[in-house]
Amino acid sequence: HLTQSIGVAMDEDSLLDFARQAAIKGV
């Protein structure tokens, strides 16, 4: 929950999967 932003250079499918997992961690 102390991670504010993750700047990304990923393809869209990979990003969507990563973002869902990171969001539940608090990002």
PDB file of all heavy atoms in Angstrom:
ATOM      1  N   HIS A   1       0.822  -1.213   0.000  1.00  0.00           N
ATOM      2  CA  HIS A   1       0.000   0.000   0.000  1.00  0.00           C
ATOM      3  C   HIS A   1       0.853   1.259   0.000  1.00  0.00           C
ATOM      4  O   HIS A   1       0.338   2.366  -0.198  1.00  0.00           O
ATOM      5  CB  HIS A   1      -0.935   0.006   1.216  1.00  0.00           C
ATOM      6  CG  HIS A   1      -0.219   0.131   2.526  1.00  0.00           C
ATOM      7  ND1 HIS A   1       0.539  -0.892   3.065  1.00  0.00           N
ATOM      8  CD2 HIS A   1      -0.130   1.159   3.410  1.00  0.00           C
ATOM      9  CE1 HIS A   1       1.053  -0.503   4.213  1.00  0.00           C
ATOM     10  NE2 HIS A   1       0.660   0.742   4.445  1.00  0.00           N
ATOM     11  N   LEU A   2       2.159   1.102   0.213  1.00  0.00           N
ATOM     12  CA  LEU A   2       3.071   2.237   0.168  1.00  0.00           C
ATOM     13  C   LEU A   2       3.724   2.394  -1.208  1.00  0.00           C
ATOM     14  O   LEU A   2       4.613   3.229  -1.380  1.00  0.00           O
ATOM     15  CB  LEU A   2       4.154   2.098   1.247  1.00  0.00           C
ATOM     16  CG  LEU A   2       3.641   2.122   2.688  1.00  0.00           C
ATOM     17  CD1 LEU A   2       4.784   1.932   3.674  1.00  0.00           C
ATOM     18  CD2 LEU A   2       2.894   3.421   2.982  1.00  0.00           C
ATOM     19  N   THR A   3       3.295   1.589  -2.183  1.00  0.00           N
ATOM     20  CA  THR A   3       3.758   1.745  -3.560  1.00  0.00           C
ATOM     21  C   THR A   3       2.728   2.586  -4.296  1.00  0.00           C
ATOM     22  O   THR A   3       1.589   2.163  -4.457  1.00  0.00           O
ATOM     23  CB  THR A   3       3.906   0.379  -4.265  1.00  0.00           C
ATOM     24  OG1 THR A   3       4.691  -0.499  -3.457  1.00  0.00           O
ATOM     25  CG2 THR A   3       4.565   0.563  -5.631  1.00  0.00           C
ATOM     26  N   GLN A   4       3.128   3.778  -4.728  1.00  0.00           N
ATOM     27  CA  GLN A   4       2.157   4.678  -5.352  1.00  0.00           C
ATOM     28  C   GLN A   4       1.968   4.394  -6.823  1.00  0.00           C
ATOM     29  O   GLN A   4       0.879   4.135  -7.291  1.00  0.00           O
ATOM     30  CB  GLN A   4       2.584   6.130  -5.125  1.00  0.00           C
ATOM     31  CG  GLN A   4       1.425   7.108  -5.102  1.00  0.00           C
ATOM     32  CD  GLN A   4       1.259   7.837  -6.420  1.00  0.00           C
ATOM     33  OE1 GLN A   4       1.712   7.412  -7.450  1.00  0.00           O
ATOM     34  NE2 GLN A   4       0.561   8.942  -6.362  1.00  0.00           N
ATOM     35  N   SER A   5       3.062   4.451  -7.592  1.00  0.00           N
ATOM     36  CA  SER A   5       2.976   4.287  -9.043  1.00  0.00           C
ATOM     37  C   SER A   5       4.011   3.281  -9.526  1.00  0.00           C
ATOM     38  O   SER A   5       5.129   3.231  -9.008  1.00  0.00           O
ATOM     39  CB  SER A   5       3.217   5.612  -9.767  1.00  0.00           C
ATOM     40  OG  SER A   5       2.306   6.601  -9.359  1.00  0.00           O
ATOM     41  N   ILE A   6       3.636   2.510 -10.530  1.00  0.00           N
ATOM     42  CA  ILE A   6       4.583   1.670 -11.247  1.00  0.00           C
ATOM     43  C   ILE A   6       4.541   2.092 -12.705  1.00  0.00           C
ATOM     44  O   ILE A   6       3.540   1.872 -13.404  1.00  0.00           O
ATOM     45  CB  ILE A   6       4.259   0.166 -11.118  1.00  0.00           C
ATOM     46  CG1 ILE A   6       4.301  -0.272  -9.648  1.00  0.00           C
ATOM     47  CG2 ILE A   6       5.246  -0.660 -11.947  1.00  0.00           C
ATOM     48  CD1 ILE A   6       3.983  -1.743  -9.437  1.00  0.00           C
ATOM     49  N   GLY A   7       5.607   2.743 -13.160  1.00  0.00           N
ATOM     50  CA  GLY A   7       5.705   3.101 -14.569  1.00  0.00           C
ATOM     51  C   GLY A   7       5.975   1.850 -15.380  1.00  0.00           C
ATOM     52  O   GLY A   7       6.801   1.014 -14.982  1.00  0.00           O
ATOM     53  N   VAL A   8       5.301   1.695 -16.503  1.00  0.00           N
ATOM     54  CA  VAL A   8       5.380   0.431 -17.230  1.00  0.00           C
ATOM     55  C   VAL A   8       5.750   0.623 -18.698  1.00  0.00           C
ATOM     56  O   VAL A   8       5.368   1.603 -19.335  1.00  0.00           O
ATOM     57  CB  VAL A   8       4.047  -0.346 -17.142  1.00  0.00           C
ATOM     58  CG1 VAL A   8       3.787  -0.802 -15.721  1.00  0.00           C
ATOM     59  CG2 VAL A   8       2.885   0.496 -17.654  1.00  0.00           C
ATOM     60  N   ALA A   9       6.513  -0.335 -19.195  1.00  0.00           N
ATOM     61  CA  ALA A   9       6.731  -0.515 -20.628  1.00  0.00           C
ATOM     62  C   ALA A   9       6.460  -1.987 -20.882  1.00  0.00           C
ATOM     63  O   ALA A   9       7.349  -2.838 -20.797  1.00  0.00           O
ATOM     64  CB  ALA A   9       8.149  -0.124 -21.028  1.00  0.00           C
ATOM     65  N   MET A  10       5.182  -2.309 -21.133  1.00  0.00           N
ATOM     66  CA  MET A  10       4.709  -3.678 -21.316  1.00  0.00           C
ATOM     67  C   MET A  10       3.664  -3.702 -22.413  1.00  0.00           C
ATOM     68  O   MET A  10       3.052  -2.669 -22.709  1.00  0.00           O
ATOM     69  CB  MET A  10       4.036  -4.220 -20.034  1.00  0.00           C
ATOM     70  CG  MET A  10       4.836  -4.225 -18.781  1.00  0.00           C
ATOM     71  SD  MET A  10       3.830  -4.912 -17.421  1.00  0.00           S
ATOM     72  CE  MET A  10       4.968  -4.692 -16.051  1.00  0.00           C
ATOM     73  N   ASP A  11       3.415  -4.880 -22.966  1.00  0.00           N
ATOM     74  CA  ASP A  11       2.283  -4.980 -23.888  1.00  0.00           C
ATOM     75  C   ASP A  11       0.988  -5.018 -23.067  1.00  0.00           C
ATOM     76  O   ASP A  11       0.995  -5.282 -21.874  1.00  0.00           O
ATOM     77  CB  ASP A  11       2.400  -6.188 -24.817  1.00  0.00           C
ATOM     78  CG  ASP A  11       2.250  -7.524 -24.107  1.00  0.00           C
ATOM     79  OD1 ASP A  11       1.291  -7.702 -23.333  1.00  0.00           O
ATOM     80  OD2 ASP A  11       3.095  -8.417 -24.329  1.00  0.00           O
ATOM     81  N   GLU A  12      -0.120  -4.745 -23.738  1.00  0.00           N
ATOM     82  CA  GLU A  12      -1.378  -4.515 -23.020  1.00  0.00           C
ATOM     83  C   GLU A  12      -1.833  -5.727 -22.223  1.00  0.00           C
ATOM     84  O   GLU A  12      -2.246  -5.600 -21.062  1.00  0.00           O
ATOM     85  CB  GLU A  12      -2.466  -4.102 -24.013  1.00  0.00           C
ATOM     86  CG  GLU A  12      -3.780  -3.720 -23.339  1.00  0.00           C
ATOM     87  CD  GLU A  12      -4.797  -3.173 -24.311  1.00  0.00           C
ATOM     88  OE1 GLU A  12      -4.406  -2.725 -25.409  1.00  0.00           O
ATOM     89  OE2 GLU A  12      -5.993  -3.180 -23.962  1.00  0.00           O
ATOM     90  N   ASP A  13      -1.784  -6.912 -22.815  1.00  0.00           N
ATOM     91  CA  ASP A  13      -2.248  -8.117 -22.112  1.00  0.00           C
ATOM     92  C   ASP A  13      -1.419  -8.372 -20.862  1.00  0.00           C
ATOM     93  O   ASP A  13      -1.947  -8.700 -19.791  1.00  0.00           O
ATOM     94  CB  ASP A  13      -2.196  -9.331 -23.035  1.00  0.00           C
ATOM     95  CG  ASP A  13      -3.242  -9.270 -24.131  1.00  0.00           C
ATOM     96  OD1 ASP A  13      -4.234  -8.531 -23.955  1.00  0.00           O
ATOM     97  OD2 ASP A  13      -3.068  -9.954 -25.165  1.00  0.00           O
ATOM     98  N   SER A  14      -0.110  -8.237 -21.008  1.00  0.00           N
ATOM     99  CA  SER A  14       0.780  -8.451 -19.870  1.00  0.00           C
ATOM    100  C   SER A  14       0.519  -7.411 -18.787  1.00  0.00           C
ATOM    101  O   SER A  14       0.489  -7.726 -17.595  1.00  0.00           O
ATOM    102  CB  SER A  14       2.229  -8.384 -20.345  1.00  0.00           C
ATOM    103  OG  SER A  14       3.120  -8.557 -19.269  1.00  0.00           O
ATOM    104  N   LEU A  15       0.298  -6.162 -19.192  1.00  0.00           N
ATOM    105  CA  LEU A  15       0.048  -5.082 -18.241  1.00  0.00           C
ATOM    106  C   LEU A  15      -1.240  -5.319 -17.453  1.00  0.00           C
ATOM    107  O   LEU A  15      -1.274  -5.145 -16.241  1.00  0.00           O
ATOM    108  CB  LEU A  15      -0.022  -3.744 -18.971  1.00  0.00           C
ATOM    109  CG  LEU A  15      -0.493  -2.538 -18.150  1.00  0.00           C
ATOM    110  CD1 LEU A  15       0.399  -2.309 -16.945  1.00  0.00           C
ATOM    111  CD2 LEU A  15      -0.538  -1.290 -19.018  1.00  0.00           C
ATOM    112  N   LEU A  16      -2.305  -5.708 -18.141  1.00  0.00           N
ATOM    113  CA  LEU A  16      -3.589  -5.906 -17.467  1.00  0.00           C
ATOM    114  C   LEU A  16      -3.479  -6.983 -16.395  1.00  0.00           C
ATOM    115  O   LEU A  16      -4.010  -6.836 -15.285  1.00  0.00           O
ATOM    116  CB  LEU A  16      -4.668  -6.267 -18.486  1.00  0.00           C
ATOM    117  CG  LEU A  16      -5.084  -5.132 -19.437  1.00  0.00           C
ATOM    118  CD1 LEU A  16      -6.057  -5.653 -20.492  1.00  0.00           C
ATOM    119  CD2 LEU A  16      -5.703  -3.982 -18.659  1.00  0.00           C
ATOM    120  N   ASP A  17      -2.784  -8.059 -16.704  1.00  0.00           N
ATOM    121  CA  ASP A  17      -2.620  -9.133 -15.720  1.00  0.00           C
ATOM    122  C   ASP A  17      -1.752  -8.668 -14.555  1.00  0.00           C
ATOM    123  O   ASP A  17      -2.087  -8.884 -13.379  1.00  0.00           O
ATOM    124  CB  ASP A  17      -1.987 -10.346 -16.400  1.00  0.00           C
ATOM    125  CG  ASP A  17      -1.754 -11.490 -15.424  1.00  0.00           C
ATOM    126  OD1 ASP A  17      -2.760 -12.047 -14.913  1.00  0.00           O
ATOM    127  OD2 ASP A  17      -0.580 -11.818 -15.146  1.00  0.00           O
ATOM    128  N   PHE A  18      -0.654  -7.987 -14.873  1.00  0.00           N
ATOM    129  CA  PHE A  18       0.248  -7.495 -13.836  1.00  0.00           C
ATOM    130  C   PHE A  18      -0.448  -6.475 -12.942  1.00  0.00           C
ATOM    131  O   PHE A  18      -0.326  -6.503 -11.713  1.00  0.00           O
ATOM    132  CB  PHE A  18       1.486  -6.885 -14.492  1.00  0.00           C
ATOM    133  CG  PHE A  18       2.428  -6.224 -13.529  1.00  0.00           C
ATOM    134  CD1 PHE A  18       3.256  -6.974 -12.712  1.00  0.00           C
ATOM    135  CD2 PHE A  18       2.498  -4.835 -13.442  1.00  0.00           C
ATOM    136  CE1 PHE A  18       4.134  -6.366 -11.822  1.00  0.00           C
ATOM    137  CE2 PHE A  18       3.363  -4.218 -12.564  1.00  0.00           C
ATOM    138  CZ  PHE A  18       4.189  -4.981 -11.754  1.00  0.00           C
ATOM    139  N   ALA A  19      -1.207  -5.557 -13.562  1.00  0.00           N
ATOM    140  CA  ALA A  19      -1.862  -4.489 -12.803  1.00  0.00           C
ATOM    141  C   ALA A  19      -2.899  -5.045 -11.827  1.00  0.00           C
ATOM    142  O   ALA A  19      -3.030  -4.556 -10.704  1.00  0.00           O
ATOM    143  CB  ALA A  19      -2.513  -3.494 -13.758  1.00  0.00           C
ATOM    144  N   ARG A  20      -3.635  -6.040 -12.241  1.00  0.00           N
ATOM    145  CA  ARG A  20      -4.634  -6.628 -11.330  1.00  0.00           C
ATOM    146  C   ARG A  20      -3.955  -7.239 -10.108  1.00  0.00           C
ATOM    147  O   ARG A  20      -4.439  -7.111  -8.986  1.00  0.00           O
ATOM    148  CB  ARG A  20      -5.470  -7.686 -12.064  1.00  0.00           C
ATOM    149  CG  ARG A  20      -6.531  -7.094 -12.979  1.00  0.00           C
ATOM    150  CD  ARG A  20      -7.448  -8.175 -13.546  1.00  0.00           C
ATOM    151  NE  ARG A  20      -8.155  -8.908 -12.505  1.00  0.00           N
ATOM    152  CZ  ARG A  20      -9.276  -8.490 -11.920  1.00  0.00           C
ATOM    153  NH1 ARG A  20      -9.801  -7.332 -12.249  1.00  0.00           N
ATOM    154  NH2 ARG A  20      -9.859  -9.229 -10.999  1.00  0.00           N
ATOM    155  N   GLN A  21      -2.837  -7.890 -10.324  1.00  0.00           N
ATOM    156  CA  GLN A  21      -2.137  -8.512  -9.196  1.00  0.00           C
ATOM    157  C   GLN A  21      -1.467  -7.467  -8.303  1.00  0.00           C
ATOM    158  O   GLN A  21      -1.445  -7.609  -7.073  1.00  0.00           O
ATOM    159  CB  GLN A  21      -1.074  -9.487  -9.730  1.00  0.00           C
ATOM    160  CG  GLN A  21      -1.657 -10.679 -10.475  1.00  0.00           C
ATOM    161  CD  GLN A  21      -0.578 -11.644 -10.922  1.00  0.00           C
ATOM    162  OE1 GLN A  21       0.078 -12.283 -10.099  1.00  0.00           O
ATOM    163  NE2 GLN A  21      -0.383 -11.756 -12.229  1.00  0.00           N
ATOM    164  N   ALA A  22      -0.932  -6.414  -8.930  1.00  0.00           N
ATOM    165  CA  ALA A  22      -0.270  -5.380  -8.140  1.00  0.00           C
ATOM    166  C   ALA A  22      -1.281  -4.517  -7.391  1.00  0.00           C
ATOM    167  O   ALA A  22      -1.014  -4.050  -6.279  1.00  0.00           O
ATOM    168  CB  ALA A  22       0.602  -4.509  -9.050  1.00  0.00           C
ATOM    169  N   ALA A  23      -2.454  -4.300  -8.002  1.00  0.00           N
ATOM    170  CA  ALA A  23      -3.479  -3.466  -7.370  1.00  0.00           C
ATOM    171  C   ALA A  23      -3.952  -4.080  -6.060  1.00  0.00           C
ATOM    172  O   ALA A  23      -4.182  -3.366  -5.072  1.00  0.00           O
ATOM    173  CB  ALA A  23      -4.647  -3.258  -8.323  1.00  0.00           C
ATOM    174  N   ILE A  24      -4.093  -5.402  -6.041  1.00  0.00           N
ATOM    175  CA  ILE A  24      -4.556  -6.056  -4.817  1.00  0.00           C
ATOM    176  C   ILE A  24      -3.495  -5.963  -3.717  1.00  0.00           C
ATOM    177  O   ILE A  24      -3.807  -6.053  -2.522  1.00  0.00           O
ATOM    178  CB  ILE A  24      -4.939  -7.533  -5.086  1.00  0.00           C
ATOM    179  CG1 ILE A  24      -5.844  -8.066  -3.975  1.00  0.00           C
ATOM    180  CG2 ILE A  24      -3.719  -8.403  -5.245  1.00  0.00           C
ATOM    181  CD1 ILE A  24      -7.204  -7.434  -3.924  1.00  0.00           C
ATOM    182  N   LYS A  25      -2.256  -5.691  -4.116  1.00  0.00           N
ATOM    183  CA  LYS A  25      -1.185  -5.477  -3.137  1.00  0.00           C
ATOM    184  C   LYS A  25      -1.216  -4.057  -2.575  1.00  0.00           C
ATOM    185  O   LYS A  25      -0.581  -3.776  -1.560  1.00  0.00           O
ATOM    186  CB  LYS A  25       0.176  -5.702  -3.802  1.00  0.00           C
ATOM    187  CG  LYS A  25       0.423  -7.116  -4.298  1.00  0.00           C
ATOM    188  CD  LYS A  25       1.031  -7.969  -3.227  1.00  0.00           C
ATOM    189  CE  LYS A  25       1.488  -9.301  -3.775  1.00  0.00           C
ATOM    190  NZ  LYS A  25       2.165 -10.121  -2.738  1.00  0.00           N
ATOM    191  N   GLY A  26      -1.925  -3.154  -3.293  1.00  0.00           N
ATOM    192  CA  GLY A  26      -2.054  -1.788  -2.801  1.00  0.00           C
ATOM    193  C   GLY A  26      -1.587  -0.703  -3.757  1.00  0.00           C
ATOM    194  O   GLY A  26      -1.685   0.484  -3.431  1.00  0.00           O
ATOM    195  N   VAL A  27      -1.083  -1.060  -4.952  1.00  0.00           N
ATOM    196  CA  VAL A  27      -0.555  -0.069  -5.893  1.00  0.00           C
ATOM    197  C   VAL A  27      -1.702   0.748  -6.493  1.00  0.00           C
ATOM    198  O   VAL A  27      -2.757   0.210  -6.832  1.00  0.00           O
ATOM    199  CB  VAL A  27       0.266  -0.754  -7.009  1.00  0.00           C
ATOM    200  CG1 VAL A  27       0.869   0.290  -7.945  1.00  0.00           C
ATOM    201  CG2 VAL A  27       1.367  -1.625  -6.393  1.00  0.00           C
TER     202      VAL A  27
END
